[in-house]
Amino acid sequence: MESEQILYRLQKAIDRRVNQLAISVTSGGVDNMETYKYIIGQINALESVRQEISNLQHDKELNGSKGTVIDLKRGLKDSPTK
């Protein structure tokens, strides 16, 4: 599976989960402050992951579609082409 497909699916899963959590909070599904704080923490964490994915995609666009491979023994080199 291509990395773009993985990122797309991950973003969709994050979107679904954030929406579920937001509905839970706004529809009165939270019965105490501890649960509320837990859900808000989950939303914040998911939003942070979403932002990091966006940053990675932006960096990849700036560097072109060519990715890089890091070989810990030899350092940074260009990725092999298919």
PDB file of N, CA and C in Angstrom:
ATOM      1  N   MET A   1       0.854  -1.170   0.000  1.00  0.00           N
ATOM      2  CA  MET A   1       0.000   0.000   0.000  1.00  0.00           C
ATOM      3  C   MET A   1       0.901   1.235   0.000  1.00  0.00           C
ATOM      4  N   GLU A   2       0.569   2.195  -0.818  1.00  0.00           N
ATOM      5  CA  GLU A   2       1.344   3.427  -0.928  1.00  0.00           C
ATOM      6  C   GLU A   2       1.199   4.276   0.323  1.00  0.00           C
ATOM      7  N   SER A   3       2.216   5.056   0.623  1.00  0.00           N
ATOM      8  CA  SER A   3       2.195   5.884   1.831  1.00  0.00           C
ATOM      9  C   SER A   3       1.061   6.905   1.789  1.00  0.00           C
ATOM     10  N   GLU A   4       0.727   7.413   0.597  1.00  0.00           N
ATOM     11  CA  GLU A   4      -0.365   8.376   0.477  1.00  0.00           C
ATOM     12  C   GLU A   4      -1.703   7.740   0.872  1.00  0.00           C
ATOM     13  N   GLN A   5      -1.894   6.481   0.491  1.00  0.00           N
ATOM     14  CA  GLN A   5      -3.119   5.777   0.853  1.00  0.00           C
ATOM     15  C   GLN A   5      -3.198   5.546   2.355  1.00  0.00           C
ATOM     16  N   ILE A   6      -2.073   5.206   2.938  1.00  0.00           N
ATOM     17  CA  ILE A   6      -2.034   4.982   4.386  1.00  0.00           C
ATOM     18  C   ILE A   6      -2.374   6.274   5.117  1.00  0.00           C
ATOM     19  N   LEU A   7      -1.763   7.367   4.700  1.00  0.00           N
ATOM     20  CA  LEU A   7      -2.026   8.656   5.337  1.00  0.00           C
ATOM     21  C   LEU A   7      -3.485   9.072   5.161  1.00  0.00           C
ATOM     22  N   TYR A   8      -4.030   8.836   3.977  1.00  0.00           N
ATOM     23  CA  TYR A   8      -5.426   9.176   3.723  1.00  0.00           C
ATOM     24  C   TYR A   8      -6.352   8.390   4.649  1.00  0.00           C
ATOM     25  N   ARG A   9      -6.106   7.099   4.761  1.00  0.00           N
ATOM     26  CA  ARG A   9      -6.940   6.262   5.634  1.00  0.00           C
ATOM     27  C   ARG A   9      -6.782   6.653   7.100  1.00  0.00           C
ATOM     28  N   LEU A  10      -5.570   6.970   7.497  1.00  0.00           N
ATOM     29  CA  LEU A  10      -5.317   7.400   8.866  1.00  0.00           C
ATOM     30  C   LEU A  10      -6.034   8.716   9.165  1.00  0.00           C
ATOM     31  N   GLN A  11      -5.975   9.649   8.226  1.00  0.00           N
ATOM     32  CA  GLN A  11      -6.674  10.924   8.405  1.00  0.00           C
ATOM     33  C   GLN A  11      -8.184  10.713   8.513  1.00  0.00           C
ATOM     34  N   LYS A  12      -8.720   9.849   7.710  1.00  0.00           N
ATOM     35  CA  LYS A  12     -10.162   9.574   7.772  1.00  0.00           C
ATOM     36  C   LYS A  12     -10.536   8.942   9.112  1.00  0.00           C
ATOM     37  N   ALA A  13      -9.710   8.017   9.594  1.00  0.00           N
ATOM     38  CA  ALA A  13      -9.973   7.390  10.886  1.00  0.00           C
ATOM     39  C   ALA A  13      -9.896   8.417  12.014  1.00  0.00           C
ATOM     40  N   ILE A  14      -8.929   9.308  11.939  1.00  0.00           N
ATOM     41  CA  ILE A  14      -8.813  10.367  12.943  1.00  0.00           C
ATOM     42  C   ILE A  14     -10.034  11.274  12.886  1.00  0.00           C
ATOM     43  N   ASP A  15     -10.445  11.655  11.689  1.00  0.00           N
ATOM     44  CA  ASP A  15     -11.632  12.506  11.535  1.00  0.00           C
ATOM     45  C   ASP A  15     -12.872  11.854  12.145  1.00  0.00           C
ATOM     46  N   ARG A  16     -13.060  10.569  11.852  1.00  0.00           N
ATOM     47  CA  ARG A  16     -14.218   9.859  12.402  1.00  0.00           C
ATOM     48  C   ARG A  16     -14.194   9.847  13.930  1.00  0.00           C
ATOM     49  N   ARG A  17     -13.022   9.557  14.494  1.00  0.00           N
ATOM     50  CA  ARG A  17     -12.909   9.473  15.958  1.00  0.00           C
ATOM     51  C   ARG A  17     -13.119  10.837  16.610  1.00  0.00           C
ATOM     52  N   VAL A  18     -12.550  11.894  16.033  1.00  0.00           N
ATOM     53  CA  VAL A  18     -12.751  13.236  16.585  1.00  0.00           C
ATOM     54  C   VAL A  18     -14.228  13.604  16.528  1.00  0.00           C
ATOM     55  N   ASN A  19     -14.888  13.282  15.435  1.00  0.00           N
ATOM     56  CA  ASN A  19     -16.326  13.572  15.318  1.00  0.00           C
ATOM     57  C   ASN A  19     -17.133  12.794  16.347  1.00  0.00           C
ATOM     58  N   GLN A  20     -16.798  11.526  16.555  1.00  0.00           N
ATOM     59  CA  GLN A  20     -17.494  10.723  17.565  1.00  0.00           C
ATOM     60  C   GLN A  20     -17.330  11.324  18.957  1.00  0.00           C
ATOM     61  N   LEU A  21     -16.109  11.715  19.269  1.00  0.00           N
ATOM     62  CA  LEU A  21     -15.839  12.293  20.585  1.00  0.00           C
ATOM     63  C   LEU A  21     -16.551  13.636  20.755  1.00  0.00           C
ATOM     64  N   ALA A  22     -16.546  14.455  19.708  1.00  0.00           N
ATOM     65  CA  ALA A  22     -17.210  15.755  19.778  1.00  0.00           C
ATOM     66  C   ALA A  22     -18.718  15.584  19.968  1.00  0.00           C
ATOM     67  N   ILE A  23     -19.290  14.625  19.275  1.00  0.00           N
ATOM     68  CA  ILE A  23     -20.729  14.358  19.435  1.00  0.00           C
ATOM     69  C   ILE A  23     -21.017  13.888  20.850  1.00  0.00           C
ATOM     70  N   SER A  24     -20.149  13.059  21.383  1.00  0.00           N
ATOM     71  CA  SER A  24     -20.328  12.577  22.750  1.00  0.00           C
ATOM     72  C   SER A  24     -20.351  13.737  23.737  1.00  0.00           C
ATOM     73  N   VAL A  25     -19.469  14.699  23.553  1.00  0.00           N
ATOM     74  CA  VAL A  25     -19.408  15.854  24.454  1.00  0.00           C
ATOM     75  C   VAL A  25     -20.617  16.762  24.259  1.00  0.00           C
ATOM     76  N   THR A  26     -20.962  17.054  23.019  1.00  0.00           N
ATOM     77  CA  THR A  26     -22.024  18.026  22.747  1.00  0.00           C
ATOM     78  C   THR A  26     -23.433  17.471  22.936  1.00  0.00           C
ATOM     79  N   SER A  27     -23.578  16.156  22.928  1.00  0.00           N
ATOM     80  CA  SER A  27     -24.916  15.578  23.065  1.00  0.00           C
ATOM     81  C   SER A  27     -25.254  15.201  24.503  1.00  0.00           C
ATOM     82  N   GLY A  28     -24.390  15.561  25.429  1.00  0.00           N
ATOM     83  CA  GLY A  28     -24.675  15.257  26.824  1.00  0.00           C
ATOM     84  C   GLY A  28     -24.256  13.864  27.240  1.00  0.00           C
ATOM     85  N   GLY A  29     -23.356  13.239  26.490  1.00  0.00           N
ATOM     86  CA  GLY A  29     -22.912  11.900  26.810  1.00  0.00           C
ATOM     87  C   GLY A  29     -21.847  11.852  27.892  1.00  0.00           C
ATOM     88  N   VAL A  30     -21.489  13.014  28.415  1.00  0.00           N
ATOM     89  CA  VAL A  30     -20.464  13.091  29.452  1.00  0.00           C
ATOM     90  C   VAL A  30     -21.154  13.335  30.784  1.00  0.00           C
ATOM     91  N   ASP A  31     -20.909  12.462  31.749  1.00  0.00           N
ATOM     92  CA  ASP A  31     -21.623  12.557  33.019  1.00  0.00           C
ATOM     93  C   ASP A  31     -20.801  13.143  34.164  1.00  0.00           C
ATOM     94  N   ASN A  32     -19.479  13.304  33.956  1.00  0.00           N
ATOM     95  CA  ASN A  32     -18.672  13.924  35.005  1.00  0.00           C
ATOM     96  C   ASN A  32     -17.462  14.629  34.395  1.00  0.00           C
ATOM     97  N   MET A  33     -16.805  15.439  35.201  1.00  0.00           N
ATOM     98  CA  MET A  33     -15.687  16.248  34.731  1.00  0.00           C
ATOM     99  C   MET A  33     -14.488  15.391  34.338  1.00  0.00           C
ATOM    100  N   GLU A  34     -14.269  14.282  35.018  1.00  0.00           N
ATOM    101  CA  GLU A  34     -13.149  13.404  34.686  1.00  0.00           C
ATOM    102  C   GLU A  34     -13.292  12.847  33.271  1.00  0.00           C
ATOM    103  N   THR A  35     -14.488  12.395  32.928  1.00  0.00           N
ATOM    104  CA  THR A  35     -14.750  11.883  31.584  1.00  0.00           C
ATOM    105  C   THR A  35     -14.610  12.981  30.547  1.00  0.00           C
ATOM    106  N   TYR A  36     -15.115  14.164  30.876  1.00  0.00           N
ATOM    107  CA  TYR A  36     -15.008  15.315  29.972  1.00  0.00           C
ATOM    108  C   TYR A  36     -13.538  15.627  29.675  1.00  0.00           C
ATOM    109  N   LYS A  37     -12.725  15.701  30.715  1.00  0.00           N
ATOM    110  CA  LYS A  37     -11.297  15.997  30.534  1.00  0.00           C
ATOM    111  C   LYS A  37     -10.608  14.905  29.722  1.00  0.00           C
ATOM    112  N   TYR A  38     -10.988  13.662  29.947  1.00  0.00           N
ATOM    113  CA  TYR A  38     -10.405  12.549  29.199  1.00  0.00           C
ATOM    114  C   TYR A  38     -10.725  12.673  27.703  1.00  0.00           C
ATOM    115  N   ILE A  39     -11.974  12.956  27.399  1.00  0.00           N
ATOM    116  CA  ILE A  39     -12.387  13.087  25.997  1.00  0.00           C
ATOM    117  C   ILE A  39     -11.708  14.284  25.343  1.00  0.00           C
ATOM    118  N   ILE A  40     -11.634  15.395  26.047  1.00  0.00           N
ATOM    119  CA  ILE A  40     -10.971  16.572  25.492  1.00  0.00           C
ATOM    120  C   ILE A  40      -9.489  16.274  25.260  1.00  0.00           C
ATOM    121  N   GLY A  41      -8.874  15.526  26.153  1.00  0.00           N
ATOM    122  CA  GLY A  41      -7.478  15.109  25.969  1.00  0.00           C
ATOM    123  C   GLY A  41      -7.298  14.249  24.735  1.00  0.00           C
ATOM    124  N   GLN A  42      -8.243  13.338  24.499  1.00  0.00           N
ATOM    125  CA  GLN A  42      -8.185  12.506  23.295  1.00  0.00           C
ATOM    126  C   GLN A  42      -8.309  13.362  22.038  1.00  0.00           C
ATOM    127  N   ILE A  43      -9.241  14.300  22.069  1.00  0.00           N
ATOM    128  CA  ILE A  43      -9.425  15.179  20.906  1.00  0.00           C
ATOM    129  C   ILE A  43      -8.144  15.975  20.651  1.00  0.00           C
ATOM    130  N   ASN A  44      -7.556  16.519  21.698  1.00  0.00           N
ATOM    131  CA  ASN A  44      -6.316  17.291  21.536  1.00  0.00           C
ATOM    132  C   ASN A  44      -5.195  16.428  20.970  1.00  0.00           C
ATOM    133  N   ALA A  45      -5.066  15.209  21.445  1.00  0.00           N
ATOM    134  CA  ALA A  45      -4.027  14.305  20.945  1.00  0.00           C
ATOM    135  C   ALA A  45      -4.252  13.973  19.473  1.00  0.00           C
ATOM    136  N   LEU A  46      -5.492  13.683  19.109  1.00  0.00           N
ATOM    137  CA  LEU A  46      -5.797  13.363  17.716  1.00  0.00           C
ATOM    138  C   LEU A  46      -5.565  14.565  16.807  1.00  0.00           C
ATOM    139  N   GLU A  47      -5.906  15.746  17.279  1.00  0.00           N
ATOM    140  CA  GLU A  47      -5.661  16.959  16.493  1.00  0.00           C
ATOM    141  C   GLU A  47      -4.166  17.190  16.309  1.00  0.00           C
ATOM    142  N   SER A  48      -3.384  16.867  17.327  1.00  0.00           N
ATOM    143  CA  SER A  48      -1.932  16.996  17.230  1.00  0.00           C
ATOM    144  C   SER A  48      -1.380  16.033  16.180  1.00  0.00           C
ATOM    145  N   VAL A  49      -1.872  14.804  16.173  1.00  0.00           N
ATOM    146  CA  VAL A  49      -1.445  13.821  15.173  1.00  0.00           C
ATOM    147  C   VAL A  49      -1.860  14.282  13.775  1.00  0.00           C
ATOM    148  N   ARG A  50      -3.066  14.799  13.660  1.00  0.00           N
ATOM    149  CA  ARG A  50      -3.549  15.295  12.363  1.00  0.00           C
ATOM    150  C   ARG A  50      -2.644  16.419  11.851  1.00  0.00           C
ATOM    151  N   GLN A  51      -2.243  17.322  12.745  1.00  0.00           N
ATOM    152  CA  GLN A  51      -1.370  18.423  12.354  1.00  0.00           C
ATOM    153  C   GLN A  51       0.002  17.918  11.938  1.00  0.00           C
ATOM    154  N   GLU A  52       0.515  16.931  12.641  1.00  0.00           N
ATOM    155  CA  GLU A  52       1.823  16.375  12.297  1.00  0.00           C
ATOM    156  C   GLU A  52       1.771  15.703  10.919  1.00  0.00           C
ATOM    157  N   ILE A  53       0.700  14.991  10.619  1.00  0.00           N
ATOM    158  CA  ILE A  53       0.538  14.380   9.294  1.00  0.00           C
ATOM    159  C   ILE A  53       0.513  15.463   8.229  1.00  0.00           C
ATOM    160  N   SER A  54      -0.224  16.520   8.489  1.00  0.00           N
ATOM    161  CA  SER A  54      -0.303  17.636   7.541  1.00  0.00           C
ATOM    162  C   SER A  54       1.074  18.257   7.316  1.00  0.00           C
ATOM    163  N   ASN A  55       1.832  18.435   8.393  1.00  0.00           N
ATOM    164  CA  ASN A  55       3.185  18.991   8.269  1.00  0.00           C
ATOM    165  C   ASN A  55       4.085  18.083   7.435  1.00  0.00           C
ATOM    166  N   LEU A  56       3.980  16.784   7.663  1.00  0.00           N
ATOM    167  CA  LEU A  56       4.786  15.835   6.893  1.00  0.00           C
ATOM    168  C   LEU A  56       4.428  15.869   5.413  1.00  0.00           C
ATOM    169  N   GLN A  57       3.139  15.971   5.119  1.00  0.00           N
ATOM    170  CA  GLN A  57       2.716  16.043   3.725  1.00  0.00           C
ATOM    171  C   GLN A  57       3.208  17.334   3.086  1.00  0.00           C
ATOM    172  N   HIS A  58       3.146  18.427   3.829  1.00  0.00           N
ATOM    173  CA  HIS A  58       3.606  19.709   3.318  1.00  0.00           C
ATOM    174  C   HIS A  58       5.112  19.660   3.044  1.00  0.00           C
ATOM    175  N   ASP A  59       5.870  19.083   3.963  1.00  0.00           N
ATOM    176  CA  ASP A  59       7.316  18.956   3.772  1.00  0.00           C
ATOM    177  C   ASP A  59       7.628  18.114   2.539  1.00  0.00           C
ATOM    178  N   LYS A  60       6.859  17.055   2.344  1.00  0.00           N
ATOM    179  CA  LYS A  60       7.083  16.192   1.184  1.00  0.00           C
ATOM    180  C   LYS A  60       6.789  16.949  -0.111  1.00  0.00           C
ATOM    181  N   GLU A  61       5.742  17.773  -0.105  1.00  0.00           N
ATOM    182  CA  GLU A  61       5.417  18.567  -1.287  1.00  0.00           C
ATOM    183  C   GLU A  61       6.519  19.570  -1.586  1.00  0.00           C
ATOM    184  N   LEU A  62       7.084  20.187  -0.547  1.00  0.00           N
ATOM    185  CA  LEU A  62       8.155  21.151  -0.747  1.00  0.00           C
ATOM    186  C   LEU A  62       9.406  20.497  -1.315  1.00  0.00           C
ATOM    187  N   ASN A  63       9.671  19.264  -0.903  1.00  0.00           N
ATOM    188  CA  ASN A  63      10.856  18.548  -1.359  1.00  0.00           C
ATOM    189  C   ASN A  63      10.589  17.748  -2.628  1.00  0.00           C
ATOM    190  N   GLY A  64       9.421  17.881  -3.188  1.00  0.00           N
ATOM    191  CA  GLY A  64       9.059  17.093  -4.359  1.00  0.00           C
ATOM    192  C   GLY A  64       8.501  15.760  -3.917  1.00  0.00           C
ATOM    193  N   SER A  65       8.064  14.966  -4.836  1.00  0.00           N
ATOM    194  CA  SER A  65       7.478  13.673  -4.492  1.00  0.00           C
ATOM    195  C   SER A  65       8.543  12.636  -4.170  1.00  0.00           C
ATOM    196  N   LYS A  66       9.797  13.019  -4.334  1.00  0.00           N
ATOM    197  CA  LYS A  66      10.891  12.091  -4.078  1.00  0.00           C
ATOM    198  C   LYS A  66      11.124  11.979  -2.580  1.00  0.00           C
ATOM    199  N   GLY A  67      11.010  10.802  -2.036  1.00  0.00           N
ATOM    200  CA  GLY A  67      11.237  10.572  -0.619  1.00  0.00           C
ATOM    201  C   GLY A  67      12.702  10.285  -0.349  1.00  0.00           C
ATOM    202  N   THR A  68      13.029  10.066   0.894  1.00  0.00           N
ATOM    203  CA  THR A  68      14.394   9.733   1.246  1.00  0.00           C
ATOM    204  C   THR A  68      14.402   8.477   2.097  1.00  0.00           C
ATOM    205  N   VAL A  69      15.525   7.801   2.066  1.00  0.00           N
ATOM    206  CA  VAL A  69      15.724   6.601   2.862  1.00  0.00           C
ATOM    207  C   VAL A  69      16.927   6.857   3.751  1.00  0.00           C
ATOM    208  N   ILE A  70      16.793   6.538   5.018  1.00  0.00           N
ATOM    209  CA  ILE A  70      17.918   6.706   5.929  1.00  0.00           C
ATOM    210  C   ILE A  70      18.507   5.336   6.227  1.00  0.00           C
ATOM    211  N   ASP A  71      19.744   5.175   5.841  1.00  0.00           N
ATOM    212  CA  ASP A  71      20.492   3.970   6.157  1.00  0.00           C
ATOM    213  C   ASP A  71      21.369   4.321   7.347  1.00  0.00           C
ATOM    214  N   LEU A  72      21.074   3.756   8.503  1.00  0.00           N
ATOM    215  CA  LEU A  72      21.783   4.127   9.718  1.00  0.00           C
ATOM    216  C   LEU A  72      23.272   3.855   9.640  1.00  0.00           C
ATOM    217  N   LYS A  73      23.684   2.967   8.783  1.00  0.00           N
ATOM    218  CA  LYS A  73      25.102   2.658   8.659  1.00  0.00           C
ATOM    219  C   LYS A  73      25.816   3.625   7.714  1.00  0.00           C
ATOM    220  N   ARG A  74      25.058   4.184   6.770  1.00  0.00           N
ATOM    221  CA  ARG A  74      25.705   5.010   5.737  1.00  0.00           C
ATOM    222  C   ARG A  74      25.189   6.440   5.683  1.00  0.00           C
ATOM    223  N   GLY A  75      24.143   6.770   6.421  1.00  0.00           N
ATOM    224  CA  GLY A  75      23.612   8.125   6.410  1.00  0.00           C
ATOM    225  C   GLY A  75      22.436   8.270   5.460  1.00  0.00           C
ATOM    226  N   LEU A  76      22.176   9.468   5.015  1.00  0.00           N
ATOM    227  CA  LEU A  76      21.027   9.786   4.185  1.00  0.00           C
ATOM    228  C   LEU A  76      21.373   9.597   2.713  1.00  0.00           C
ATOM    229  N   LYS A  77      20.485   8.950   1.985  1.00  0.00           N
ATOM    230  CA  LYS A  77      20.690   8.784   0.546  1.00  0.00           C
ATOM    231  C   LYS A  77      19.346   8.840  -0.156  1.00  0.00           C
ATOM    232  N   ASP A  78      19.366   9.000  -1.463  1.00  0.00           N
ATOM    233  CA  ASP A  78      18.125   9.053  -2.237  1.00  0.00           C
ATOM    234  C   ASP A  78      17.439   7.712  -2.213  1.00  0.00           C
ATOM    235  N   SER A  79      16.107   7.745  -2.281  1.00  0.00           N
ATOM    236  CA  SER A  79      15.357   6.506  -2.284  1.00  0.00           C
ATOM    237  C   SER A  79      15.463   5.808  -3.617  1.00  0.00           C
ATOM    238  N   PRO A  80      15.384   4.505  -3.617  1.00  0.00           N
ATOM    239  CA  PRO A  80      15.421   3.769  -4.879  1.00  0.00           C
ATOM    240  C   PRO A  80      14.139   4.001  -5.665  1.00  0.00           C
ATOM    241  N   THR A  81      14.237   4.032  -6.953  1.00  0.00           N
ATOM    242  CA  THR A  81      13.063   4.209  -7.795  1.00  0.00           C
ATOM    243  C   THR A  81      12.547   2.850  -8.224  1.00  0.00           C
ATOM    244  N   LYS A  82      11.243   2.802  -8.461  1.00  0.00           N
ATOM    245  CA  LYS A  82      10.614   1.547  -8.868  1.00  0.00           C
ATOM    246  C   LYS A  82      10.799   1.299 -10.332  1.00  0.00           C
TER     247      LYS A  82
END
